[in-house]
Every structure is written in structure tokens, then in C-alpha cells.
N, C-alpha and C. Protein backbone atom coordinates (compact mmCIF):
# COMPACT_ATOMS: atom_id res chain seq x y z
N MET A 1 -25.16 48.53 34.42
CA MET A 1 -24.63 48.42 33.09
C MET A 1 -25.73 48.82 32.10
N ALA A 2 -25.36 49.59 31.15
CA ALA A 2 -26.32 50.08 30.18
C ALA A 2 -26.50 49.05 29.08
N ALA A 3 -27.61 49.15 28.39
CA ALA A 3 -27.93 48.21 27.32
C ALA A 3 -26.89 48.27 26.22
N SER A 4 -26.37 49.45 25.95
CA SER A 4 -25.37 49.57 24.89
C SER A 4 -24.07 48.87 25.28
N ASP A 5 -23.72 48.89 26.58
CA ASP A 5 -22.53 48.17 27.04
C ASP A 5 -22.70 46.66 26.86
N GLU A 6 -23.88 46.17 27.18
CA GLU A 6 -24.15 44.73 27.02
C GLU A 6 -24.10 44.33 25.55
N ILE A 7 -24.63 45.16 24.70
CA ILE A 7 -24.62 44.89 23.26
C ILE A 7 -23.18 44.86 22.76
N GLU A 8 -22.37 45.79 23.26
CA GLU A 8 -20.98 45.84 22.85
C GLU A 8 -20.24 44.58 23.30
N ILE A 9 -20.48 44.12 24.51
CA ILE A 9 -19.85 42.90 25.02
C ILE A 9 -20.27 41.68 24.19
N VAL A 10 -21.55 41.58 23.90
CA VAL A 10 -22.06 40.47 23.08
C VAL A 10 -21.45 40.54 21.69
N ALA A 11 -21.34 41.73 21.12
CA ALA A 11 -20.76 41.90 19.79
C ALA A 11 -19.29 41.44 19.79
N GLU A 12 -18.55 41.79 20.85
CA GLU A 12 -17.15 41.37 20.95
C GLU A 12 -17.05 39.84 21.06
N GLN A 13 -17.94 39.26 21.85
CA GLN A 13 -17.94 37.80 22.01
C GLN A 13 -18.29 37.11 20.70
N VAL A 14 -19.25 37.64 19.98
CA VAL A 14 -19.64 37.07 18.69
C VAL A 14 -18.48 37.21 17.70
N SER A 15 -17.82 38.36 17.74
CA SER A 15 -16.67 38.58 16.87
C SER A 15 -15.55 37.58 17.20
N ASP A 16 -15.30 37.37 18.50
CA ASP A 16 -14.29 36.41 18.93
C ASP A 16 -14.66 35.00 18.49
N LEU A 17 -15.93 34.64 18.62
CA LEU A 17 -16.39 33.32 18.17
C LEU A 17 -16.22 33.18 16.66
N GLY A 18 -16.45 34.26 15.92
CA GLY A 18 -16.26 34.24 14.47
C GLY A 18 -14.81 33.96 14.10
N ARG A 19 -13.87 34.62 14.82
CA ARG A 19 -12.45 34.37 14.57
C ARG A 19 -12.09 32.92 14.91
N ARG A 20 -12.60 32.43 16.01
CA ARG A 20 -12.33 31.03 16.39
C ARG A 20 -12.90 30.06 15.35
N LEU A 21 -14.09 30.36 14.87
CA LEU A 21 -14.71 29.52 13.84
C LEU A 21 -13.88 29.53 12.56
N ASP A 22 -13.39 30.69 12.17
CA ASP A 22 -12.52 30.78 10.99
C ASP A 22 -11.26 29.94 11.19
N SER A 23 -10.69 30.00 12.39
CA SER A 23 -9.49 29.22 12.69
C SER A 23 -9.79 27.72 12.61
N VAL A 24 -10.91 27.31 13.16
CA VAL A 24 -11.30 25.89 13.12
C VAL A 24 -11.54 25.46 11.68
N GLU A 25 -12.20 26.28 10.90
CA GLU A 25 -12.47 25.95 9.50
C GLU A 25 -11.17 25.81 8.70
N SER A 26 -10.20 26.67 8.94
CA SER A 26 -8.92 26.55 8.22
C SER A 26 -8.18 25.29 8.65
N ARG A 27 -8.26 24.93 9.92
CA ARG A 27 -7.63 23.69 10.39
C ARG A 27 -8.30 22.47 9.77
N VAL A 28 -9.61 22.50 9.68
CA VAL A 28 -10.34 21.39 9.06
C VAL A 28 -9.95 21.26 7.59
N ALA A 29 -9.79 22.39 6.91
CA ALA A 29 -9.38 22.35 5.50
C ALA A 29 -7.99 21.74 5.37
N GLU A 30 -7.07 22.09 6.29
CA GLU A 30 -5.73 21.49 6.28
C GLU A 30 -5.81 19.98 6.55
N ILE A 31 -6.65 19.61 7.48
CA ILE A 31 -6.82 18.18 7.81
C ILE A 31 -7.38 17.43 6.61
N ASP A 32 -8.33 18.03 5.90
CA ASP A 32 -8.88 17.40 4.70
C ASP A 32 -7.79 17.15 3.66
N LYS A 33 -6.87 18.12 3.50
CA LYS A 33 -5.77 17.95 2.56
C LYS A 33 -4.85 16.81 3.00
N VAL A 34 -4.56 16.75 4.29
CA VAL A 34 -3.70 15.68 4.81
C VAL A 34 -4.37 14.32 4.61
N ILE A 35 -5.66 14.26 4.88
CA ILE A 35 -6.40 13.00 4.71
C ILE A 35 -6.35 12.57 3.25
N ALA A 36 -6.51 13.49 2.32
CA ALA A 36 -6.45 13.15 0.89
C ALA A 36 -5.07 12.59 0.53
N ARG A 37 -4.01 13.22 1.07
CA ARG A 37 -2.66 12.70 0.79
C ARG A 37 -2.47 11.32 1.42
N LEU A 38 -2.98 11.13 2.63
CA LEU A 38 -2.87 9.82 3.29
C LEU A 38 -3.63 8.75 2.52
N GLU A 39 -4.80 9.10 2.00
CA GLU A 39 -5.55 8.14 1.20
C GLU A 39 -4.79 7.77 -0.07
N GLY A 40 -4.17 8.75 -0.70
CA GLY A 40 -3.35 8.47 -1.88
C GLY A 40 -2.18 7.56 -1.54
N ALA A 41 -1.54 7.84 -0.41
CA ALA A 41 -0.42 7.00 0.02
C ALA A 41 -0.90 5.59 0.34
N ALA A 42 -2.07 5.46 0.91
CA ALA A 42 -2.61 4.14 1.23
C ALA A 42 -2.89 3.34 -0.04
N VAL A 43 -3.41 3.99 -1.06
CA VAL A 43 -3.68 3.32 -2.33
C VAL A 43 -2.36 2.88 -2.97
N THR A 44 -1.37 3.76 -2.96
CA THR A 44 -0.05 3.41 -3.51
C THR A 44 0.56 2.25 -2.75
N THR A 45 0.46 2.27 -1.43
CA THR A 45 0.99 1.19 -0.60
C THR A 45 0.28 -0.12 -0.91
N ALA A 46 -1.03 -0.08 -1.03
CA ALA A 46 -1.79 -1.30 -1.32
C ALA A 46 -1.38 -1.88 -2.68
N ARG A 47 -1.21 -1.02 -3.68
CA ARG A 47 -0.79 -1.50 -5.00
C ARG A 47 0.62 -2.10 -4.93
N SER A 48 1.50 -1.46 -4.19
CA SER A 48 2.87 -1.97 -4.05
C SER A 48 2.88 -3.31 -3.35
N LEU A 49 2.09 -3.43 -2.28
CA LEU A 49 2.02 -4.70 -1.56
C LEU A 49 1.45 -5.81 -2.44
N GLU A 50 0.49 -5.46 -3.27
CA GLU A 50 -0.08 -6.44 -4.20
C GLU A 50 0.99 -6.90 -5.19
N GLU A 51 1.78 -5.97 -5.69
CA GLU A 51 2.84 -6.33 -6.62
C GLU A 51 3.90 -7.20 -5.95
N ILE A 52 4.27 -6.84 -4.73
CA ILE A 52 5.24 -7.65 -3.97
C ILE A 52 4.68 -9.05 -3.74
N SER A 53 3.41 -9.12 -3.39
CA SER A 53 2.77 -10.41 -3.17
C SER A 53 2.81 -11.27 -4.42
N THR A 54 2.57 -10.65 -5.56
CA THR A 54 2.62 -11.37 -6.83
C THR A 54 4.01 -11.93 -7.09
N HIS A 55 5.03 -11.12 -6.81
CA HIS A 55 6.41 -11.58 -7.00
C HIS A 55 6.73 -12.75 -6.06
N TRP A 56 6.33 -12.62 -4.78
CA TRP A 56 6.60 -13.71 -3.83
C TRP A 56 5.86 -14.98 -4.23
N HIS A 57 4.65 -14.82 -4.74
CA HIS A 57 3.88 -15.98 -5.20
C HIS A 57 4.66 -16.69 -6.31
N ALA A 58 5.22 -15.92 -7.23
CA ALA A 58 6.01 -16.51 -8.31
C ALA A 58 7.25 -17.22 -7.76
N VAL A 59 7.88 -16.63 -6.75
CA VAL A 59 9.06 -17.26 -6.13
C VAL A 59 8.66 -18.59 -5.48
N TYR A 60 7.57 -18.59 -4.73
CA TYR A 60 7.12 -19.83 -4.08
C TYR A 60 6.75 -20.89 -5.11
N GLU A 61 6.11 -20.47 -6.20
CA GLU A 61 5.76 -21.42 -7.25
C GLU A 61 7.03 -22.02 -7.85
N ALA A 62 8.03 -21.20 -8.10
CA ALA A 62 9.29 -21.71 -8.66
C ALA A 62 9.96 -22.67 -7.68
N MET A 63 9.94 -22.33 -6.40
CA MET A 63 10.53 -23.21 -5.39
C MET A 63 9.78 -24.54 -5.33
N ARG A 64 8.47 -24.48 -5.43
CA ARG A 64 7.66 -25.70 -5.38
C ARG A 64 7.98 -26.58 -6.59
N ARG A 65 8.14 -25.97 -7.76
CA ARG A 65 8.46 -26.74 -8.96
C ARG A 65 9.82 -27.42 -8.83
N VAL A 66 10.76 -26.77 -8.17
CA VAL A 66 12.08 -27.37 -7.97
C VAL A 66 11.98 -28.55 -7.01
N GLU A 67 11.14 -28.43 -6.00
CA GLU A 67 10.98 -29.49 -5.00
C GLU A 67 10.22 -30.69 -5.57
N GLU A 68 9.33 -30.48 -6.49
CA GLU A 68 8.51 -31.54 -7.07
C GLU A 68 8.92 -31.73 -8.54
N PRO A 69 9.93 -32.55 -8.80
CA PRO A 69 10.35 -32.72 -10.19
C PRO A 69 9.26 -33.37 -11.02
N ASP A 70 9.20 -32.98 -12.26
CA ASP A 70 8.23 -33.51 -13.20
C ASP A 70 8.66 -34.93 -13.59
N PRO A 71 7.79 -35.94 -13.43
CA PRO A 71 8.19 -37.32 -13.75
C PRO A 71 8.54 -37.49 -15.23
N ASP A 72 7.92 -36.74 -16.11
CA ASP A 72 8.24 -36.84 -17.53
C ASP A 72 9.66 -36.36 -17.81
N VAL A 73 10.11 -35.36 -17.09
CA VAL A 73 11.47 -34.85 -17.28
C VAL A 73 12.47 -35.91 -16.85
N GLY A 74 12.22 -36.62 -15.78
CA GLY A 74 13.11 -37.69 -15.33
C GLY A 74 13.20 -38.80 -16.36
N GLN A 75 12.09 -39.16 -16.98
CA GLN A 75 12.10 -40.19 -18.01
C GLN A 75 12.89 -39.73 -19.23
N LEU A 76 12.78 -38.47 -19.57
CA LEU A 76 13.54 -37.95 -20.70
C LEU A 76 15.04 -38.03 -20.42
N ARG A 77 15.42 -37.70 -19.19
CA ARG A 77 16.83 -37.75 -18.84
C ARG A 77 17.36 -39.18 -18.94
N VAL A 78 16.60 -40.12 -18.40
CA VAL A 78 17.04 -41.52 -18.42
C VAL A 78 17.13 -42.00 -19.85
N GLY A 79 16.12 -41.70 -20.66
CA GLY A 79 16.13 -42.12 -22.05
C GLY A 79 17.27 -41.49 -22.82
N ARG A 80 17.54 -40.26 -22.56
CA ARG A 80 18.61 -39.55 -23.25
C ARG A 80 19.97 -40.12 -22.82
N ASP A 81 20.11 -40.40 -21.54
CA ASP A 81 21.39 -40.93 -21.04
C ASP A 81 21.66 -42.32 -21.62
N LEU A 82 20.65 -43.14 -21.77
CA LEU A 82 20.84 -44.49 -22.30
C LEU A 82 21.13 -44.49 -23.79
N SER A 83 20.61 -43.50 -24.48
CA SER A 83 20.79 -43.48 -25.93
C SER A 83 22.17 -42.98 -26.33
N ARG A 84 22.84 -42.29 -25.45
CA ARG A 84 24.18 -41.75 -25.76
C ARG A 84 25.25 -42.71 -25.27
N PRO A 85 26.29 -42.84 -26.03
CA PRO A 85 27.42 -43.63 -25.51
C PRO A 85 28.08 -42.87 -24.38
N SER A 86 28.49 -43.55 -23.39
CA SER A 86 29.10 -42.90 -22.26
C SER A 86 30.51 -42.44 -22.61
N LYS A 87 30.89 -41.32 -22.08
CA LYS A 87 32.21 -40.76 -22.34
C LYS A 87 33.23 -41.44 -21.46
N GLY A 88 34.39 -41.69 -22.01
CA GLY A 88 35.48 -42.26 -21.24
C GLY A 88 35.45 -43.76 -21.16
N LYS A 89 34.37 -44.40 -21.54
CA LYS A 89 34.31 -45.87 -21.51
C LYS A 89 34.46 -46.36 -22.92
N PRO A 90 35.22 -47.42 -23.13
CA PRO A 90 35.39 -47.97 -24.48
C PRO A 90 34.22 -48.71 -24.98
């Protein structure tokens, strides 16, 4: 094999490696775009979950307030009921 043949083979291999490298670089660029979109979606999801959590916290607080009546409210009801004449009784 002549030196020029070897140089030509090496040149073809280098050219082929260059094409493969270009292909890998374009795939990496696509992956970077996908990762950026996924990160954006993750941030949106985290914000949404935080908002949902806030709403559920408010629901639980309201449920807790219903379960634990305020003693002052009970006294107001009793006082109000005693101060009014009862309906239907003479």
C-alpha cells in the first residue's frame, strides 16, 4: 500500500468522524432544548403543587375550626337565646 493510499484512508476516517461528531453535537443541542423545557415544566409543576397545598391547608384549617367550636360563640348563642322570647310559647 502506498503512502498516498494510507493518507486517503485516514482522511476518509477523519471525515467520517467529523460527520459523526456533527451528528452527536446536533443531538446534544436537541437534548439541551428538551432539558430546558423539562426544567420549565418542573418549575410550573412545583408552583402548582404549592398552590394546591395552600388550598388544602385552608380546607383543613376550615375543617378544624368546624370541629373545635369557639367557646365564646357558644356563650353568645346561649345569651342570645335567653334574651329572646321563645316563639310559640305564651
